[in-house]
C-alpha cells in the first residue's frame, strides 16, 4: 500500500534527476516525477479498468485504466510495474523482460494536480484477480468503445483518459 513517506525523484522532462522529495511534497506542488502503468487485457482483448480506493492521495474513488504507480526513489519503471501488479490486483510472476517486450509508449502528462513521465506497458492476463484493501475498490474488463465513453465522464481520471486516447492512436 502507498506510504506517505516514500522518497520520489523529482525529474525534468528529459528525466534528469533534480532532487528527492516525499510523496506529500510531490502531491502538494505537483512536481514532475516518474510513474508506470500496465494495461491488462483478457483473452477477449477487453481492458481492465479499476475504481481507485477512497484512500488514494490523488483521484480517490475515480475510475482508472489498468494499474499504475509512482516510481519510488531510483527503482526502474519495470520494477514499479511489477510491484503495482502485485499490490493492486495480486498478479504475480510477471518479469521485467516481459514488460520490456510489451512496452507500448511513454508520455509526459501535465495538469495542475499531477505531473508525470509515465511508461505504459501491456500484459495479457486471464487468471484470478484479488483486490487488496486500500488499493482498489472494484475492477472490470471492458471493450475499447465502452472505455472511450467512460473517459469523458468526470468520474474517470484525467491521466487514464489521456493514456487511453494515446493507446487508441497506437491501434490506428
C-alpha atoms as a PDB file:
ATOM      1  CA  UNK A   1       0.000   0.000   0.000  1.00  0.00           C
ATOM      2  CA  UNK A   2       1.123   3.563  -0.703  1.00  0.00           C
ATOM      3  CA  UNK A   3       3.279   5.026   2.021  1.00  0.00           C
ATOM      4  CA  UNK A   4       3.115   8.764   2.638  1.00  0.00           C
ATOM      5  CA  UNK A   5       6.868   8.985   3.466  1.00  0.00           C
ATOM      6  CA  UNK A   6       8.156   7.368   0.268  1.00  0.00           C
ATOM      7  CA  UNK A   7      11.071   9.154  -1.363  1.00  0.00           C
ATOM      8  CA  UNK A   8      10.475  10.058  -5.001  1.00  0.00           C
ATOM      9  CA  UNK A   9      12.864  11.512  -7.557  1.00  0.00           C
ATOM     10  CA  UNK A  10      11.796  14.860  -8.962  1.00  0.00           C
ATOM     11  CA  UNK A  11      12.935  14.982 -12.603  1.00  0.00           C
ATOM     12  CA  UNK A  12      12.934  17.309 -15.585  1.00  0.00           C
ATOM     13  CA  UNK A  13      11.244  16.447 -18.887  1.00  0.00           C
ATOM     14  CA  UNK A  14      14.388  14.613 -20.042  1.00  0.00           C
ATOM     15  CA  UNK A  15      14.232  12.518 -16.845  1.00  0.00           C
ATOM     16  CA  UNK A  16      17.315  14.127 -15.380  1.00  0.00           C
ATOM     17  CA  UNK A  17      17.338  13.892 -11.597  1.00  0.00           C
ATOM     18  CA  UNK A  18      16.683  17.228  -9.891  1.00  0.00           C
ATOM     19  CA  UNK A  19      16.213  16.262  -6.245  1.00  0.00           C
ATOM     20  CA  UNK A  20      14.428  13.917  -3.867  1.00  0.00           C
ATOM     21  CA  UNK A  21      11.058  14.717  -2.317  1.00  0.00           C
ATOM     22  CA  UNK A  22       8.466  12.983  -0.186  1.00  0.00           C
ATOM     23  CA  UNK A  23       5.139  11.914  -1.659  1.00  0.00           C
ATOM     24  CA  UNK A  24       3.318  14.650   0.273  1.00  0.00           C
ATOM     25  CA  UNK A  25       5.515  17.377  -1.277  1.00  0.00           C
ATOM     26  CA  UNK A  26       5.201  15.804  -4.754  1.00  0.00           C
ATOM     27  CA  UNK A  27       1.401  15.969  -4.475  1.00  0.00           C
ATOM     28  CA  UNK A  28       1.225  19.407  -2.833  1.00  0.00           C
ATOM     29  CA  UNK A  29       3.356  21.091  -5.527  1.00  0.00           C
ATOM     30  CA  UNK A  30       2.529  18.766  -8.463  1.00  0.00           C
ATOM     31  CA  UNK A  31       6.235  18.106  -9.013  1.00  0.00           C
ATOM     32  CA  UNK A  32       7.262  16.215 -12.149  1.00  0.00           C
ATOM     33  CA  UNK A  33       8.162  12.604 -11.334  1.00  0.00           C
ATOM     34  CA  UNK A  34       8.188   9.164 -12.933  1.00  0.00           C
ATOM     35  CA  UNK A  35       5.301   6.694 -12.930  1.00  0.00           C
ATOM     36  CA  UNK A  36       4.329   3.489 -14.642  1.00  0.00           C
ATOM     37  CA  UNK A  37       1.104   1.942 -15.878  1.00  0.00           C
ATOM     38  CA  UNK A  38       0.192  -1.549 -17.026  1.00  0.00           C
ATOM     39  CA  UNK A  39      -2.805  -2.116 -19.250  1.00  0.00           C
ATOM     40  CA  UNK A  40      -4.227  -5.578 -18.588  1.00  0.00           C
ATOM     41  CA  UNK A  41      -6.059  -7.289 -21.439  1.00  0.00           C
ATOM     42  CA  UNK A  42      -8.037 -10.520 -21.184  1.00  0.00           C
ATOM     43  CA  UNK A  43      -8.377 -13.248 -23.838  1.00  0.00           C
ATOM     44  CA  UNK A  44     -11.208 -11.273 -25.492  1.00  0.00           C
ATOM     45  CA  UNK A  45      -8.974  -8.166 -25.691  1.00  0.00           C
ATOM     46  CA  UNK A  46     -11.109  -6.381 -23.119  1.00  0.00           C
ATOM     47  CA  UNK A  47      -9.147  -3.941 -20.981  1.00  0.00           C
ATOM     48  CA  UNK A  48      -9.151  -3.764 -17.199  1.00  0.00           C
ATOM     49  CA  UNK A  49     -10.328  -0.582 -15.552  1.00  0.00           C
ATOM     50  CA  UNK A  50     -10.266  -0.077 -11.812  1.00  0.00           C
ATOM     51  CA  UNK A  51     -12.125   2.069  -9.352  1.00  0.00           C
ATOM     52  CA  UNK A  52      -9.492   3.701  -7.193  1.00  0.00           C
ATOM     53  CA  UNK A  53      -9.804   3.372  -3.438  1.00  0.00           C
ATOM     54  CA  UNK A  54     -11.042   6.351  -1.468  1.00  0.00           C
ATOM     55  CA  UNK A  55      -7.747   6.054   0.459  1.00  0.00           C
ATOM     56  CA  UNK A  56      -5.690   7.171  -2.553  1.00  0.00           C
ATOM     57  CA  UNK A  57      -3.901  10.507  -2.300  1.00  0.00           C
ATOM     58  CA  UNK A  58      -4.807  11.521  -5.847  1.00  0.00           C
ATOM     59  CA  UNK A  59      -8.060  10.884  -7.742  1.00  0.00           C
ATOM     60  CA  UNK A  60      -9.706   8.871  -4.925  1.00  0.00           C
ATOM     61  CA  UNK A  61     -12.837   6.983  -5.967  1.00  0.00           C
ATOM     62  CA  UNK A  62     -12.389   7.615  -9.699  1.00  0.00           C
ATOM     63  CA  UNK A  63     -12.185   5.017 -12.454  1.00  0.00           C
ATOM     64  CA  UNK A  64      -8.758   4.500 -13.994  1.00  0.00           C
ATOM     65  CA  UNK A  65      -7.047   2.453 -16.676  1.00  0.00           C
ATOM     66  CA  UNK A  66      -5.104  -0.678 -15.686  1.00  0.00           C
ATOM     67  CA  UNK A  67      -2.793  -0.448 -12.698  1.00  0.00           C
ATOM     68  CA  UNK A  68      -0.420   2.412 -12.067  1.00  0.00           C
ATOM     69  CA  UNK A  69       2.137   3.560  -9.583  1.00  0.00           C
ATOM     70  CA  UNK A  70       4.768   6.100  -8.750  1.00  0.00           C
ATOM     71  CA  UNK A  71       8.377   5.106  -9.308  1.00  0.00           C
ATOM     72  CA  UNK A  72       9.957   5.217  -5.850  1.00  0.00           C
ATOM     73  CA  UNK A  73      13.489   6.532  -5.413  1.00  0.00           C
ATOM     74  CA  UNK A  74      15.687   5.049  -8.137  1.00  0.00           C
ATOM     75  CA  UNK A  75      13.560   1.960  -8.916  1.00  0.00           C
ATOM     76  CA  UNK A  76      13.069   1.059 -12.561  1.00  0.00           C
ATOM     77  CA  UNK A  77       9.788   1.546 -14.378  1.00  0.00           C
ATOM     78  CA  UNK A  78       9.513  -2.230 -14.729  1.00  0.00           C
ATOM     79  CA  UNK A  79      10.185  -2.967 -11.042  1.00  0.00           C
ATOM     80  CA  UNK A  80       7.489  -0.452 -10.150  1.00  0.00           C
ATOM     81  CA  UNK A  81       5.030  -2.039 -12.588  1.00  0.00           C
ATOM     82  CA  UNK A  82       5.668  -5.485 -11.082  1.00  0.00           C
ATOM     83  CA  UNK A  83       5.140  -4.099  -7.574  1.00  0.00           C
ATOM     84  CA  UNK A  84       1.879  -2.416  -8.559  1.00  0.00           C
ATOM     85  CA  UNK A  85       0.526  -5.529 -10.297  1.00  0.00           C
ATOM     86  CA  UNK A  86       1.103  -7.471  -7.085  1.00  0.00           C
ATOM     87  CA  UNK A  87      -0.161  -4.733  -4.728  1.00  0.00           C
ATOM     88  CA  UNK A  88      -3.295  -3.705  -6.609  1.00  0.00           C
ATOM     89  CA  UNK A  89      -4.636  -6.905  -8.199  1.00  0.00           C
ATOM     90  CA  UNK A  90      -2.353  -9.710  -6.894  1.00  0.00           C
ATOM     91  CA  UNK A  91      -0.869 -10.604 -10.300  1.00  0.00           C
ATOM     92  CA  UNK A  92       2.448 -12.346  -9.650  1.00  0.00           C
ATOM     93  CA  UNK A  93       5.128 -13.814 -11.855  1.00  0.00           C
ATOM     94  CA  UNK A  94       5.433 -11.009 -14.410  1.00  0.00           C
ATOM     95  CA  UNK A  95       9.090 -10.316 -15.217  1.00  0.00           C
ATOM     96  CA  UNK A  96      10.930  -7.165 -16.220  1.00  0.00           C
ATOM     97  CA  UNK A  97      11.739  -8.861 -19.528  1.00  0.00           C
ATOM     98  CA  UNK A  98       8.060  -9.492 -20.239  1.00  0.00           C
ATOM     99  CA  UNK A  99       7.249  -5.862 -19.544  1.00  0.00           C
ATOM    100  CA  UNK A 100      10.128  -4.563 -21.669  1.00  0.00           C
ATOM    101  CA  UNK A 101       8.942  -6.680 -24.604  1.00  0.00           C
ATOM    102  CA  UNK A 102       5.393  -5.350 -24.104  1.00  0.00           C
ATOM    103  CA  UNK A 103       6.287  -1.670 -23.746  1.00  0.00           C
ATOM    104  CA  UNK A 104       3.702   0.457 -25.551  1.00  0.00           C
ATOM    105  CA  UNK A 105       4.790   4.093 -25.235  1.00  0.00           C
ATOM    106  CA  UNK A 106       5.952   6.849 -22.911  1.00  0.00           C
ATOM    107  CA  UNK A 107       4.052  10.061 -22.186  1.00  0.00           C
ATOM    108  CA  UNK A 108       4.510  13.278 -20.300  1.00  0.00           C
ATOM    109  CA  UNK A 109       1.333  14.452 -18.607  1.00  0.00           C
ATOM    110  CA  UNK A 110       0.861  17.901 -17.121  1.00  0.00           C
ATOM    111  CA  UNK A 111      -2.063  19.128 -15.059  1.00  0.00           C
ATOM    112  CA  UNK A 112      -2.420  21.485 -12.100  1.00  0.00           C
ATOM    113  CA  UNK A 113      -2.623  18.461  -9.737  1.00  0.00           C
ATOM    114  CA  UNK A 114      -0.396  15.854 -11.352  1.00  0.00           C
ATOM    115  CA  UNK A 115       2.751  15.981 -13.472  1.00  0.00           C
ATOM    116  CA  UNK A 116       4.368  12.730 -14.555  1.00  0.00           C
ATOM    117  CA  UNK A 117       6.540  10.984 -17.065  1.00  0.00           C
ATOM    118  CA  UNK A 118       4.927   7.591 -17.497  1.00  0.00           C
ATOM    119  CA  UNK A 119       5.887   4.399 -19.309  1.00  0.00           C
ATOM    120  CA  UNK A 120       2.928   2.291 -20.362  1.00  0.00           C
ATOM    121  CA  UNK A 121       3.075  -1.482 -20.784  1.00  0.00           C
ATOM    122  CA  UNK A 122       0.503  -4.152 -21.526  1.00  0.00           C
ATOM    123  CA  UNK A 123       0.059  -7.726 -20.414  1.00  0.00           C
ATOM    124  CA  UNK A 124      -2.403 -10.445 -21.323  1.00  0.00           C
ATOM    125  CA  UNK A 125      -3.949 -11.988 -18.221  1.00  0.00           C
ATOM    126  CA  UNK A 126      -6.834 -14.380 -17.654  1.00  0.00           C
ATOM    127  CA  UNK A 127      -6.182 -15.530 -14.095  1.00  0.00           C
ATOM    128  CA  UNK A 128      -7.909 -14.617 -10.881  1.00  0.00           C
ATOM    129  CA  UNK A 129      -7.608 -11.121  -9.536  1.00  0.00           C
ATOM    130  CA  UNK A 130      -7.607 -10.321  -5.843  1.00  0.00           C
ATOM    131  CA  UNK A 131      -8.252  -6.744  -4.807  1.00  0.00           C
ATOM    132  CA  UNK A 132      -6.149  -5.695  -1.867  1.00  0.00           C
ATOM    133  CA  UNK A 133      -7.639  -3.474   0.828  1.00  0.00           C
ATOM    134  CA  UNK A 134      -6.857   0.197   0.434  1.00  0.00           C
ATOM    135  CA  UNK A 135      -5.657  -0.044  -3.165  1.00  0.00           C
ATOM    136  CA  UNK A 136      -8.575  -0.803  -5.489  1.00  0.00           C
ATOM    137  CA  UNK A 137     -12.315  -0.904  -4.790  1.00  0.00           C
ATOM    138  CA  UNK A 138     -13.529  -2.586  -7.990  1.00  0.00           C
ATOM    139  CA  UNK A 139     -12.290  -3.826 -11.373  1.00  0.00           C
ATOM    140  CA  UNK A 140     -13.965  -4.753 -14.620  1.00  0.00           C
ATOM    141  CA  UNK A 141     -12.905  -5.646 -18.142  1.00  0.00           C
ATOM    142  CA  UNK A 142     -14.493  -3.514 -20.859  1.00  0.00           C
ATOM    143  CA  UNK A 143     -14.287  -3.193 -24.628  1.00  0.00           C
ATOM    144  CA  UNK A 144     -12.481  -0.157 -26.038  1.00  0.00           C
ATOM    145  CA  UNK A 145     -15.758   1.521 -27.068  1.00  0.00           C
ATOM    146  CA  UNK A 146     -17.108   1.274 -23.523  1.00  0.00           C
ATOM    147  CA  UNK A 147     -13.918   2.727 -22.066  1.00  0.00           C
ATOM    148  CA  UNK A 148     -13.887   5.523 -24.630  1.00  0.00           C
ATOM    149  CA  UNK A 149     -17.347   6.596 -23.397  1.00  0.00           C
ATOM    150  CA  UNK A 150     -16.249   6.409 -19.757  1.00  0.00           C
ATOM    151  CA  UNK A 151     -13.132   8.540 -20.294  1.00  0.00           C
ATOM    152  CA  UNK A 152     -15.242  11.614 -20.995  1.00  0.00           C
ATOM    153  CA  UNK A 153     -17.040  11.314 -17.666  1.00  0.00           C
ATOM    154  CA  UNK A 154     -15.953  13.293 -14.596  1.00  0.00           C
ATOM    155  CA  UNK A 155     -15.531  10.054 -12.605  1.00  0.00           C
ATOM    156  CA  UNK A 156     -12.623   8.873 -14.809  1.00  0.00           C
ATOM    157  CA  UNK A 157      -9.085  10.056 -14.048  1.00  0.00           C
ATOM    158  CA  UNK A 158      -7.682  12.664 -16.446  1.00  0.00           C
ATOM    159  CA  UNK A 159      -4.402  10.738 -16.755  1.00  0.00           C
ATOM    160  CA  UNK A 160      -6.244   7.493 -17.517  1.00  0.00           C
ATOM    161  CA  UNK A 161      -8.274   9.252 -20.217  1.00  0.00           C
ATOM    162  CA  UNK A 162      -5.125  10.802 -21.710  1.00  0.00           C
ATOM    163  CA  UNK A 163      -3.290   7.457 -21.814  1.00  0.00           C
ATOM    164  CA  UNK A 164      -6.324   5.694 -23.283  1.00  0.00           C
ATOM    165  CA  UNK A 165      -6.504   8.238 -26.126  1.00  0.00           C
ATOM    166  CA  UNK A 166      -2.792   7.643 -26.839  1.00  0.00           C
ATOM    167  CA  UNK A 167      -3.415   3.874 -26.759  1.00  0.00           C
ATOM    168  CA  UNK A 168      -6.196   4.238 -29.337  1.00  0.00           C
ATOM    169  CA  UNK A 169      -3.770   6.154 -31.573  1.00  0.00           C
ATOM    170  CA  UNK A 170      -1.377   3.169 -31.490  1.00  0.00           C
ATOM    171  CA  UNK A 171      -4.181   0.916 -32.793  1.00  0.00           C
ATOM    172  CA  UNK A 172      -4.676   3.036 -35.924  1.00  0.00           C
END
